C-alpha atoms as a PDB file:
ATOM      1  CA  MET A   1     -22.910  72.174  46.342  1.00  0.00           C
ATOM      2  CA  SER A   2     -21.369  69.252  47.629  1.00  0.00           C
ATOM      3  CA  ASP A   3     -17.629  68.605  46.986  1.00  0.00           C
ATOM      4  CA  SER A   4     -18.458  65.614  44.530  1.00  0.00           C
ATOM      5  CA  ALA A   5     -20.431  68.089  42.165  1.00  0.00           C
ATOM      6  CA  ARG A   6     -17.588  70.758  41.864  1.00  0.00           C
ATOM      7  CA  PRO A   7     -14.899  70.568  39.244  1.00  0.00           C
ATOM      8  CA  PRO A   8     -11.804  68.861  40.215  1.00  0.00           C
ATOM      9  CA  LEU A   9      -8.842  70.837  41.664  1.00  0.00           C
ATOM     10  CA  SER A  10      -5.234  71.286  40.415  1.00  0.00           C
ATOM     11  CA  ILE A  11      -4.047  70.990  43.761  1.00  0.00           C
ATOM     12  CA  PRO A  12      -2.881  67.691  45.250  1.00  0.00           C
ATOM     13  CA  ASN A  13      -4.133  65.495  48.053  1.00  0.00           C
ATOM     14  CA  PHE A  14      -7.186  68.194  48.404  1.00  0.00           C
ATOM     15  CA  ARG A  15     -10.153  67.022  50.198  1.00  0.00           C
ATOM     16  CA  ASP A  16     -12.816  67.871  52.833  1.00  0.00           C
ATOM     17  CA  ALA A  17     -11.906  65.854  55.362  1.00  0.00           C
ATOM     18  CA  GLY A  18     -15.198  66.386  57.336  1.00  0.00           C
ATOM     19  CA  ALA A  19     -16.962  65.325  54.538  1.00  0.00           C
ATOM     20  CA  PHE A  20     -14.746  62.483  53.962  1.00  0.00           C
ATOM     21  CA  LEU A  21     -15.182  61.286  57.530  1.00  0.00           C
ATOM     22  CA  ASN A  22     -19.015  61.537  57.225  1.00  0.00           C
ATOM     23  CA  LYS A  23     -19.066  59.241  54.227  1.00  0.00           C
ATOM     24  CA  VAL A  24     -17.121  56.537  55.989  1.00  0.00           C
ATOM     25  CA  ILE A  25     -19.070  56.455  59.131  1.00  0.00           C
ATOM     26  CA  GLY A  26     -22.516  56.826  57.004  1.00  0.00           C
ATOM     27  CA  ARG A  27     -23.804  59.725  59.152  1.00  0.00           C
ATOM     28  CA  ILE A  28     -23.433  63.783  59.178  1.00  0.00           C
ATOM     29  CA  ARG A  29     -20.955  63.982  62.434  1.00  0.00           C
ATOM     30  CA  ILE A  30     -18.769  67.200  61.029  1.00  0.00           C
ATOM     31  CA  LYS A  31     -20.345  70.286  58.873  1.00  0.00           C
ATOM     32  CA  PRO A  32     -19.169  69.745  55.310  1.00  0.00           C
ATOM     33  CA  GLY A  33     -17.579  72.520  53.706  1.00  0.00           C
ATOM     34  CA  MET A  34     -15.660  73.895  56.582  1.00  0.00           C
ATOM     35  CA  VAL A  35     -12.414  71.669  57.085  1.00  0.00           C
ATOM     36  CA  TYR A  36     -10.276  71.199  54.328  1.00  0.00           C
ATOM     37  CA  ARG A  37      -6.670  69.794  53.686  1.00  0.00           C
ATOM     38  CA  SER A  38      -4.384  69.353  51.074  1.00  0.00           C
ATOM     39  CA  GLY A  39      -0.695  69.551  49.897  1.00  0.00           C
ATOM     40  CA  ARG A  40       1.016  72.803  48.756  1.00  0.00           C
ATOM     41  CA  PRO A  41      -1.830  75.002  46.740  1.00  0.00           C
ATOM     42  CA  ASP A  42       1.119  76.755  45.412  1.00  0.00           C
ATOM     43  CA  ASP A  43       1.137  75.600  41.684  1.00  0.00           C
ATOM     44  CA  ALA A  44      -2.692  75.488  41.485  1.00  0.00           C
ATOM     45  CA  SER A  45      -4.006  77.284  38.222  1.00  0.00           C
ATOM     46  CA  PHE A  46      -5.499  80.417  38.167  1.00  0.00           C
ATOM     47  CA  GLN A  47      -9.025  79.189  37.720  1.00  0.00           C
ATOM     48  CA  ASP A  48      -8.461  76.859  40.813  1.00  0.00           C
ATOM     49  CA  ARG A  49      -7.017  79.675  42.936  1.00  0.00           C
ATOM     50  CA  GLN A  50     -10.667  81.535  42.132  1.00  0.00           C
ATOM     51  CA  ARG A  51     -12.636  78.489  42.752  1.00  0.00           C
ATOM     52  CA  LEU A  52     -10.833  78.272  46.326  1.00  0.00           C
ATOM     53  CA  ARG A  53     -12.284  81.993  47.284  1.00  0.00           C
ATOM     54  CA  ASN A  54     -15.325  81.982  45.040  1.00  0.00           C
ATOM     55  CA  THR A  55     -16.787  78.391  45.282  1.00  0.00           C
ATOM     56  CA  TYR A  56     -15.062  77.015  48.065  1.00  0.00           C
ATOM     57  CA  LYS A  57     -15.424  80.149  49.897  1.00  0.00           C
ATOM     58  CA  LEU A  58     -12.414  79.601  51.699  1.00  0.00           C
ATOM     59  CA  ARG A  59     -11.361  82.479  54.573  1.00  0.00           C
ATOM     60  CA  THR A  60      -8.236  81.061  55.949  1.00  0.00           C
ATOM     61  CA  ILE A  61      -5.076  79.180  54.628  1.00  0.00           C
ATOM     62  CA  ILE A  62      -2.760  77.287  57.357  1.00  0.00           C
ATOM     63  CA  ASP A  63       0.662  76.850  55.923  1.00  0.00           C
ATOM     64  CA  LEU A  64       2.618  74.189  57.994  1.00  0.00           C
ATOM     65  CA  ARG A  65       5.866  74.506  56.106  1.00  0.00           C
ATOM     66  CA  THR A  66       9.225  75.546  56.863  1.00  0.00           C
ATOM     67  CA  LYS A  67      11.259  78.371  56.206  1.00  0.00           C
ATOM     68  CA  THR A  68      13.601  75.877  54.183  1.00  0.00           C
ATOM     69  CA  GLU A  69      10.348  74.862  52.177  1.00  0.00           C
ATOM     70  CA  HIS A  70       9.202  78.169  51.452  1.00  0.00           C
ATOM     71  CA  VAL A  71      12.574  78.979  49.973  1.00  0.00           C
ATOM     72  CA  GLN A  72      12.927  76.058  47.683  1.00  0.00           C
ATOM     73  CA  GLN A  73       8.990  76.725  46.547  1.00  0.00           C
ATOM     74  CA  ALA A  74      10.037  80.260  45.597  1.00  0.00           C
ATOM     75  CA  GLN A  75      13.107  78.991  43.676  1.00  0.00           C
ATOM     76  CA  LYS A  76      11.060  76.474  42.063  1.00  0.00           C
ATOM     77  CA  ARG A  77       8.167  79.377  41.071  1.00  0.00           C
ATOM     78  CA  ASP A  78      10.798  81.798  40.052  1.00  0.00           C
ATOM     79  CA  THR A  79      12.348  79.080  37.787  1.00  0.00           C
ATOM     80  CA  LYS A  80       9.365  78.290  36.401  1.00  0.00           C
ATOM     81  CA  ILE A  81       7.953  81.615  35.396  1.00  0.00           C
ATOM     82  CA  LYS A  82      11.640  82.231  33.559  1.00  0.00           C
ATOM     83  CA  SER A  83      11.574  79.336  31.683  1.00  0.00           C
ATOM     84  CA  SER A  84       7.689  79.445  30.450  1.00  0.00           C
ATOM     85  CA  PRO A  85       7.301  81.698  27.322  1.00  0.00           C
ATOM     86  CA  ALA A  86       5.037  84.426  27.910  1.00  0.00           C
ATOM     87  CA  ALA A  87       2.936  83.694  25.134  1.00  0.00           C
ATOM     88  CA  LEU A  88       1.824  80.632  26.579  1.00  0.00           C
ATOM     89  CA  GLN A  89       0.939  82.352  30.049  1.00  0.00           C
ATOM     90  CA  SER A  90      -2.468  84.515  30.561  1.00  0.00           C
ATOM     91  CA  ASN A  91      -1.924  87.907  31.908  1.00  0.00           C
ATOM     92  CA  ASP A  92      -3.835  86.551  34.847  1.00  0.00           C
ATOM     93  CA  GLU A  93      -1.443  83.876  35.315  1.00  0.00           C
ATOM     94  CA  ALA A  94       1.824  85.888  34.671  1.00  0.00           C
ATOM     95  CA  ALA A  95       0.653  88.688  37.121  1.00  0.00           C
ATOM     96  CA  GLU A  96      -0.651  86.651  40.068  1.00  0.00           C
ATOM     97  CA  PRO A  97       0.615  86.934  43.540  1.00  0.00           C
ATOM     98  CA  VAL A  98       1.202  83.393  45.373  1.00  0.00           C
ATOM     99  CA  LYS A  99      -1.048  84.323  47.962  1.00  0.00           C
ATOM    100  CA  ILE A 100      -4.835  84.809  46.973  1.00  0.00           C
ATOM    101  CA  PRO A 101      -6.214  88.134  47.733  1.00  0.00           C
ATOM    102  CA  GLY A 102      -9.263  87.811  50.032  1.00  0.00           C
ATOM    103  CA  ILE A 103      -7.935  84.582  52.163  1.00  0.00           C
ATOM    104  CA  ASN A 104      -6.301  85.230  55.538  1.00  0.00           C
ATOM    105  CA  TYR A 105      -2.620  83.232  55.807  1.00  0.00           C
ATOM    106  CA  TYR A 106      -1.458  81.770  58.988  1.00  0.00           C
ATOM    107  CA  GLU A 107       2.109  80.577  58.347  1.00  0.00           C
ATOM    108  CA  ILE A 108       2.816  77.818  61.612  1.00  0.00           C
ATOM    109  CA  ASN A 109       6.376  76.225  60.854  1.00  0.00           C
ATOM    110  CA  PHE A 110       4.992  72.969  62.440  1.00  0.00           C
ATOM    111  CA  ASN A 111       8.375  71.250  62.685  1.00  0.00           C
ATOM    112  CA  GLY A 112       9.242  74.383  65.042  1.00  0.00           C
ATOM    113  CA  THR A 113      12.311  75.523  66.982  1.00  0.00           C
ATOM    114  CA  ALA A 114      12.069  72.627  69.731  1.00  0.00           C
ATOM    115  CA  PHE A 115      11.777  69.942  67.188  1.00  0.00           C
ATOM    116  CA  ASN A 116      15.095  71.403  65.316  1.00  0.00           C
ATOM    117  CA  LYS A 117      16.692  71.175  68.815  1.00  0.00           C
ATOM    118  CA  LEU A 118      15.691  67.312  69.450  1.00  0.00           C
ATOM    119  CA  LEU A 119      17.220  66.732  65.814  1.00  0.00           C
ATOM    120  CA  LEU A 120      20.280  68.748  66.555  1.00  0.00           C
ATOM    121  CA  TRP A 121      20.989  67.148  70.217  1.00  0.00           C
ATOM    122  CA  LYS A 122      21.358  63.704  67.976  1.00  0.00           C
ATOM    123  CA  LEU A 123      24.330  65.158  66.187  1.00  0.00           C
ATOM    124  CA  SER A 124      27.939  64.922  67.106  1.00  0.00           C
ATOM    125  CA  TRP A 125      29.766  68.149  67.258  1.00  0.00           C
ATOM    126  CA  TRP A 126      31.420  67.946  63.844  1.00  0.00           C
ATOM    127  CA  GLU A 127      28.107  67.281  62.581  1.00  0.00           C
ATOM    128  CA  LEU A 128      26.931  70.369  64.188  1.00  0.00           C
ATOM    129  CA  VAL A 129      29.567  72.635  63.058  1.00  0.00           C
ATOM    130  CA  ARG A 130      29.263  71.635  59.519  1.00  0.00           C
ATOM    131  CA  LEU A 131      25.302  71.950  59.707  1.00  0.00           C
ATOM    132  CA  VAL A 132      25.902  75.580  61.127  1.00  0.00           C
ATOM    133  CA  THR A 133      28.128  76.690  58.471  1.00  0.00           C
ATOM    134  CA  LEU A 134      26.122  75.216  55.711  1.00  0.00           C
ATOM    135  CA  MET A 135      23.248  76.805  56.872  1.00  0.00           C
ATOM    136  CA  VAL A 136      24.840  80.705  57.151  1.00  0.00           C
ATOM    137  CA  PHE A 137      26.194  80.370  53.620  1.00  0.00           C
ATOM    138  CA  GLY A 138      22.584  79.152  52.462  1.00  0.00           C
ATOM    139  CA  TYR A 139      23.042  75.715  51.535  1.00  0.00           C
ATOM    140  CA  ARG A 140      20.000  74.250  53.341  1.00  0.00           C
ATOM    141  CA  ASN A 141      19.400  71.009  51.321  1.00  0.00           C
ATOM    142  CA  GLU A 142      23.134  70.139  52.141  1.00  0.00           C
ATOM    143  CA  ALA A 143      22.408  70.995  55.627  1.00  0.00           C
ATOM    144  CA  ILE A 144      19.174  68.796  55.960  1.00  0.00           C
ATOM    145  CA  GLN A 145      21.513  66.119  54.431  1.00  0.00           C
ATOM    146  CA  ILE A 146      23.115  66.080  57.809  1.00  0.00           C
ATOM    147  CA  LEU A 147      20.100  65.657  59.666  1.00  0.00           C
ATOM    148  CA  ALA A 148      18.447  62.880  57.186  1.00  0.00           C
ATOM    149  CA  PRO A 149      19.872  59.592  58.773  1.00  0.00           C
ATOM    150  CA  THR A 150      18.454  60.795  62.259  1.00  0.00           C
ATOM    151  CA  MET A 151      15.202  61.634  60.603  1.00  0.00           C
ATOM    152  CA  ASN A 152      15.388  58.403  58.524  1.00  0.00           C
ATOM    153  CA  THR A 153      15.907  56.228  61.699  1.00  0.00           C
ATOM    154  CA  MET A 154      13.035  58.101  63.463  1.00  0.00           C
ATOM    155  CA  GLY A 155      10.663  57.045  60.589  1.00  0.00           C
ATOM    156  CA  LEU A 156       7.506  58.753  59.935  1.00  0.00           C
ATOM    157  CA  VAL A 157       5.898  57.378  63.119  1.00  0.00           C
ATOM    158  CA  GLY A 158       9.120  58.344  65.321  1.00  0.00           C
ATOM    159  CA  ILE A 159       8.596  61.951  63.895  1.00  0.00           C
ATOM    160  CA  ALA A 160       4.924  62.084  64.687  1.00  0.00           C
ATOM    161  CA  LYS A 161       5.176  60.967  68.119  1.00  0.00           C
ATOM    162  CA  SER A 162       8.115  63.391  68.595  1.00  0.00           C
ATOM    163  CA  LEU A 163       6.147  66.348  67.203  1.00  0.00           C
ATOM    164  CA  LEU A 164       3.284  65.531  69.699  1.00  0.00           C
ATOM    165  CA  GLU A 165       5.704  66.330  72.523  1.00  0.00           C
ATOM    166  CA  VAL A 166       7.806  68.913  71.124  1.00  0.00           C
ATOM    167  CA  SER A 167       5.272  70.907  68.999  1.00  0.00           C
ATOM    168  CA  LYS A 168       2.680  71.680  71.430  1.00  0.00           C
ATOM    169  CA  PRO A 169       2.749  75.413  71.076  1.00  0.00           C
ATOM    170  CA  GLU A 170       2.425  75.271  67.432  1.00  0.00           C
ATOM    171  CA  ILE A 171      -0.687  72.939  67.708  1.00  0.00           C
ATOM    172  CA  ARG A 172      -1.965  75.588  70.262  1.00  0.00           C
ATOM    173  CA  GLN A 173      -1.730  77.815  67.277  1.00  0.00           C
ATOM    174  CA  VAL A 174      -3.279  76.206  65.003  1.00  0.00           C
ATOM    175  CA  PHE A 175      -6.362  75.309  67.238  1.00  0.00           C
ATOM    176  CA  GLU A 176      -7.007  78.706  68.234  1.00  0.00           C
ATOM    177  CA  ILE A 177      -7.448  79.600  64.618  1.00  0.00           C
ATOM    178  CA  TYR A 178     -10.095  76.562  64.411  1.00  0.00           C
ATOM    179  CA  SER A 179     -11.714  77.890  67.574  1.00  0.00           C
ATOM    180  CA  GLU A 180     -12.628  81.219  65.698  1.00  0.00           C
ATOM    181  CA  GLU A 181     -15.789  80.879  63.537  1.00  0.00           C
ATOM    182  CA  ARG A 182     -14.994  83.550  61.470  1.00  0.00           C
ATOM    183  CA  ASN A 183     -12.189  81.611  59.894  1.00  0.00           C
ATOM    184  CA  TYR A 184     -14.070  79.315  58.371  1.00  0.00           C
ATOM    185  CA  PRO A 185     -13.989  77.319  55.815  1.00  0.00           C
ATOM    186  CA  VAL A 186     -10.464  76.807  56.623  1.00  0.00           C
ATOM    187  CA  LEU A 187      -7.502  74.958  54.670  1.00  0.00           C
ATOM    188  CA  VAL A 188      -4.584  73.554  56.228  1.00  0.00           C
ATOM    189  CA  HIS A 189      -1.658  72.103  54.112  1.00  0.00           C
ATOM    190  CA  CYS A 190       2.106  71.567  54.390  1.00  0.00           C
ATOM    191  CA  THR A 191       4.063  70.169  51.377  1.00  0.00           C
ATOM    192  CA  GLN A 192       2.511  66.723  50.609  1.00  0.00           C
ATOM    193  CA  GLY A 193      -0.720  67.297  52.949  1.00  0.00           C
ATOM    194  CA  LYS A 194       0.095  63.818  54.459  1.00  0.00           C
ATOM    195  CA  ASP A 195       2.335  63.910  57.742  1.00  0.00           C
ATOM    196  CA  ARG A 196       2.180  67.067  59.378  1.00  0.00           C
ATOM    197  CA  THR A 197      -1.160  67.871  57.923  1.00  0.00           C
ATOM    198  CA  GLY A 198      -2.231  64.564  58.572  1.00  0.00           C
ATOM    199  CA  LEU A 199      -1.173  64.796  62.339  1.00  0.00           C
ATOM    200  CA  VAL A 200      -3.369  68.156  62.551  1.00  0.00           C
ATOM    201  CA  VAL A 201      -6.363  66.587  60.975  1.00  0.00           C
ATOM    202  CA  MET A 202      -5.926  63.500  63.318  1.00  0.00           C
ATOM    203  CA  LEU A 203      -5.803  65.613  66.196  1.00  0.00           C
ATOM    204  CA  LEU A 204      -9.116  67.872  65.009  1.00  0.00           C
ATOM    205  CA  LEU A 205     -11.090  64.566  64.111  1.00  0.00           C
ATOM    206  CA  GLY A 206     -10.189  62.940  67.146  1.00  0.00           C
ATOM    207  CA  LEU A 207     -11.511  65.725  69.119  1.00  0.00           C
ATOM    208  CA  LEU A 208     -14.740  66.052  66.759  1.00  0.00           C
ATOM    209  CA  SER A 209     -15.264  62.423  66.564  1.00  0.00           C
ATOM    210  CA  GLU A 210     -12.888  60.102  68.482  1.00  0.00           C
ATOM    211  CA  ASN A 211     -15.069  56.816  68.257  1.00  0.00           C
ATOM    212  CA  SER A 212     -14.272  57.030  64.272  1.00  0.00           C
ATOM    213  CA  LEU A 213     -10.758  55.812  64.454  1.00  0.00           C
ATOM    214  CA  ASP A 214     -11.387  53.956  61.527  1.00  0.00           C
ATOM    215  CA  ALA A 215     -12.773  56.704  59.617  1.00  0.00           C
ATOM    216  CA  ILE A 216      -9.554  58.898  60.699  1.00  0.00           C
ATOM    217  CA  GLU A 217      -7.264  55.952  59.797  1.00  0.00           C
ATOM    218  CA  LYS A 218      -9.024  56.041  56.030  1.00  0.00           C
ATOM    219  CA  ASP A 219      -8.593  59.679  55.728  1.00  0.00           C
ATOM    220  CA  TYR A 220      -4.829  59.226  56.829  1.00  0.00           C
ATOM    221  CA  LEU A 221      -4.165  56.741  54.154  1.00  0.00           C
ATOM    222  CA  ILE A 222      -6.193  57.967  51.404  1.00  0.00           C
ATOM    223  CA  SER A 223      -3.387  60.552  51.054  1.00  0.00           C
ATOM    224  CA  GLU A 224      -1.224  58.155  49.504  1.00  0.00           C
ATOM    225  CA  LYS A 225      -3.529  57.873  46.575  1.00  0.00           C
ATOM    226  CA  GLY A 226      -4.120  61.822  46.808  1.00  0.00           C
ATOM    227  CA  LEU A 227      -0.317  62.102  45.915  1.00  0.00           C
ATOM    228  CA  GLU A 228       0.167  59.467  43.201  1.00  0.00           C
ATOM    229  CA  SER A 229       0.754  62.042  40.502  1.00  0.00           C
ATOM    230  CA  GLU A 230       3.398  63.823  42.788  1.00  0.00           C
ATOM    231  CA  LYS A 231       5.178  60.672  43.398  1.00  0.00           C
ATOM    232  CA  ASN A 232       8.137  61.209  41.047  1.00  0.00           C
ATOM    233  CA  GLU A 233       8.732  64.990  42.183  1.00  0.00           C
ATOM    234  CA  MET A 234       8.316  63.839  45.710  1.00  0.00           C
ATOM    235  CA  LEU A 235      11.175  61.621  45.314  1.00  0.00           C
ATOM    236  CA  LYS A 236      13.243  63.868  43.652  1.00  0.00           C
ATOM    237  CA  GLU A 237      12.985  66.461  46.289  1.00  0.00           C
ATOM    238  CA  LEU A 238      13.560  63.712  49.083  1.00  0.00           C
ATOM    239  CA  GLU A 239      16.530  62.558  47.397  1.00  0.00           C
ATOM    240  CA  LYS A 240      18.059  66.361  47.494  1.00  0.00           C
ATOM    241  CA  VAL A 241      17.998  66.289  50.992  1.00  0.00           C
ATOM    242  CA  GLY A 242      18.969  62.571  51.622  1.00  0.00           C
ATOM    243  CA  LEU A 243      15.767  61.590  53.018  1.00  0.00           C
ATOM    244  CA  SER A 244      14.149  57.965  52.031  1.00  0.00           C
ATOM    245  CA  ALA A 245      11.544  56.782  50.004  1.00  0.00           C
ATOM    246  CA  GLU A 246       9.676  55.950  52.633  1.00  0.00           C
ATOM    247  CA  PHE A 247       8.664  59.625  53.193  1.00  0.00           C
ATOM    248  CA  THR A 248       6.274  59.596  50.265  1.00  0.00           C
ATOM    249  CA  ALA A 249       4.105  56.717  51.824  1.00  0.00           C
ATOM    250  CA  CYS A 250       1.399  56.649  54.587  1.00  0.00           C
ATOM    251  CA  ASP A 251       2.703  54.296  57.269  1.00  0.00           C
ATOM    252  CA  PRO A 252      -0.258  51.951  58.005  1.00  0.00           C
ATOM    253  CA  ASP A 253       0.230  51.929  61.685  1.00  0.00           C
ATOM    254  CA  MET A 254       0.253  55.887  61.983  1.00  0.00           C
ATOM    255  CA  VAL A 255      -3.046  56.287  63.326  1.00  0.00           C
ATOM    256  CA  LYS A 256      -3.032  53.596  65.772  1.00  0.00           C
ATOM    257  CA  GLU A 257       0.406  54.622  67.146  1.00  0.00           C
ATOM    258  CA  VAL A 258      -0.575  58.195  67.523  1.00  0.00           C
ATOM    259  CA  PHE A 259      -3.860  57.749  69.319  1.00  0.00           C
ATOM    260  CA  GLY A 260      -2.320  54.724  71.227  1.00  0.00           C
ATOM    261  CA  HIS A 261       0.588  57.107  72.273  1.00  0.00           C
ATOM    262  CA  ILE A 262      -2.058  59.795  73.369  1.00  0.00           C
ATOM    263  CA  HIS A 263      -4.205  57.505  75.407  1.00  0.00           C
ATOM    264  CA  GLU A 264      -1.003  55.654  77.122  1.00  0.00           C
ATOM    265  CA  LYS A 265       0.558  59.127  78.406  1.00  0.00           C
ATOM    266  CA  TYR A 266      -2.217  61.461  78.552  1.00  0.00           C
ATOM    267  CA  GLY A 267      -5.536  59.096  78.945  1.00  0.00           C
ATOM    268  CA  SER A 268      -7.564  61.071  76.596  1.00  0.00           C
ATOM    269  CA  ILE A 269      -7.598  63.312  73.158  1.00  0.00           C
ATOM    270  CA  GLU A 270      -8.851  66.031  75.410  1.00  0.00           C
ATOM    271  CA  THR A 271      -6.260  65.878  78.160  1.00  0.00           C
ATOM    272  CA  TYR A 272      -3.719  65.762  75.575  1.00  0.00           C
ATOM    273  CA  LEU A 273      -5.095  68.873  73.884  1.00  0.00           C
ATOM    274  CA  GLU A 274      -5.245  70.874  77.277  1.00  0.00           C
ATOM    275  CA  SER A 275      -1.369  69.961  77.731  1.00  0.00           C
ATOM    276  CA  CYS A 276      -0.992  71.807  74.450  1.00  0.00           C
ATOM    277  CA  GLY A 277      -2.795  74.767  75.684  1.00  0.00           C
ATOM    278  CA  VAL A 278      -6.129  74.050  74.172  1.00  0.00           C
ATOM    279  CA  GLY A 279      -8.227  74.405  77.238  1.00  0.00           C
ATOM    280  CA  LYS A 280     -11.874  72.704  77.548  1.00  0.00           C
ATOM    281  CA  GLU A 281     -13.407  76.096  76.459  1.00  0.00           C
ATOM    282  CA  MET A 282     -11.714  76.071  73.443  1.00  0.00           C
ATOM    283  CA  GLN A 283     -12.242  72.693  72.949  1.00  0.00           C
ATOM    284  CA  GLU A 284     -15.784  73.081  73.291  1.00  0.00           C
ATOM    285  CA  LYS A 285     -15.994  76.088  70.869  1.00  0.00           C
ATOM    286  CA  ILE A 286     -14.374  74.088  67.990  1.00  0.00           C
ATOM    287  CA  ARG A 287     -17.046  71.388  68.687  1.00  0.00           C
ATOM    288  CA  SER A 288     -19.748  73.928  68.618  1.00  0.00           C
ATOM    289  CA  ILE A 289     -18.481  75.524  65.224  1.00  0.00           C
ATOM    290  CA  LEU A 290     -17.858  72.056  63.625  1.00  0.00           C
ATOM    291  CA  CYS A 291     -20.075  69.303  64.931  1.00  0.00           C
ATOM    292  CA  CYS A 292     -23.618  68.664  63.779  1.00  0.00           C
ATOM    293  CA  SER A 293     -26.310  68.569  66.237  1.00  0.00           C
END
């Protein structure tokens, strides 16, 4: 069954990235039903969680979020459960675990230690002391507010370029998962499914179909439409940590800037991935799994 024939899911920004690229370029380059992307699936209905496992046949979910995001989501879920009258919940919905049974989960903090160090080096000593103190006492949002001015100055493109350089171990971990056929179909997500997820999908689609940059760009930009229903919630979350409204949007220059950076510094997507520890053999394994002959 094609995705277009399936009922829509209550998961923001969900789509089959390979099928989308195929549609844009007008031919089947990537096997459909293999590479999915989305925002956080935590609030998916019980029925949609069943569809992910039984209809979409998901075997693997890659979660790119930070520890802070996981803590915030757990608090949000706990508040929602406590405030919902039991009579309005089905027994399944009240008892369901956060993770879907039968699906393998990989938590990979894409904004890893090296990215955090990069941000910390930009702080004054006083700001650093304040941040550490806030983190020790559990004030995560307030701590992130200290980093927010730096992140706002970097912008979406600046952060993406930095992640290309400092998150290479995390990129290798993700591509190791993509290189094993037993893991498919795979869903990769972060909170919005736009920036970190977008960068991972850009690299994957670039490896599989580098001459399709227009289609890769369209896949990235359509996330803005995919997140329309989430925009007010996103703005509230960004406001809590001091990030600008820019972070709810897709930067129209993102794909050009990302691939421009890769080609200027490394010469090709393949050479860049090799610098991440994704060697030629692993790249070919991924192509053999996902590319249509």
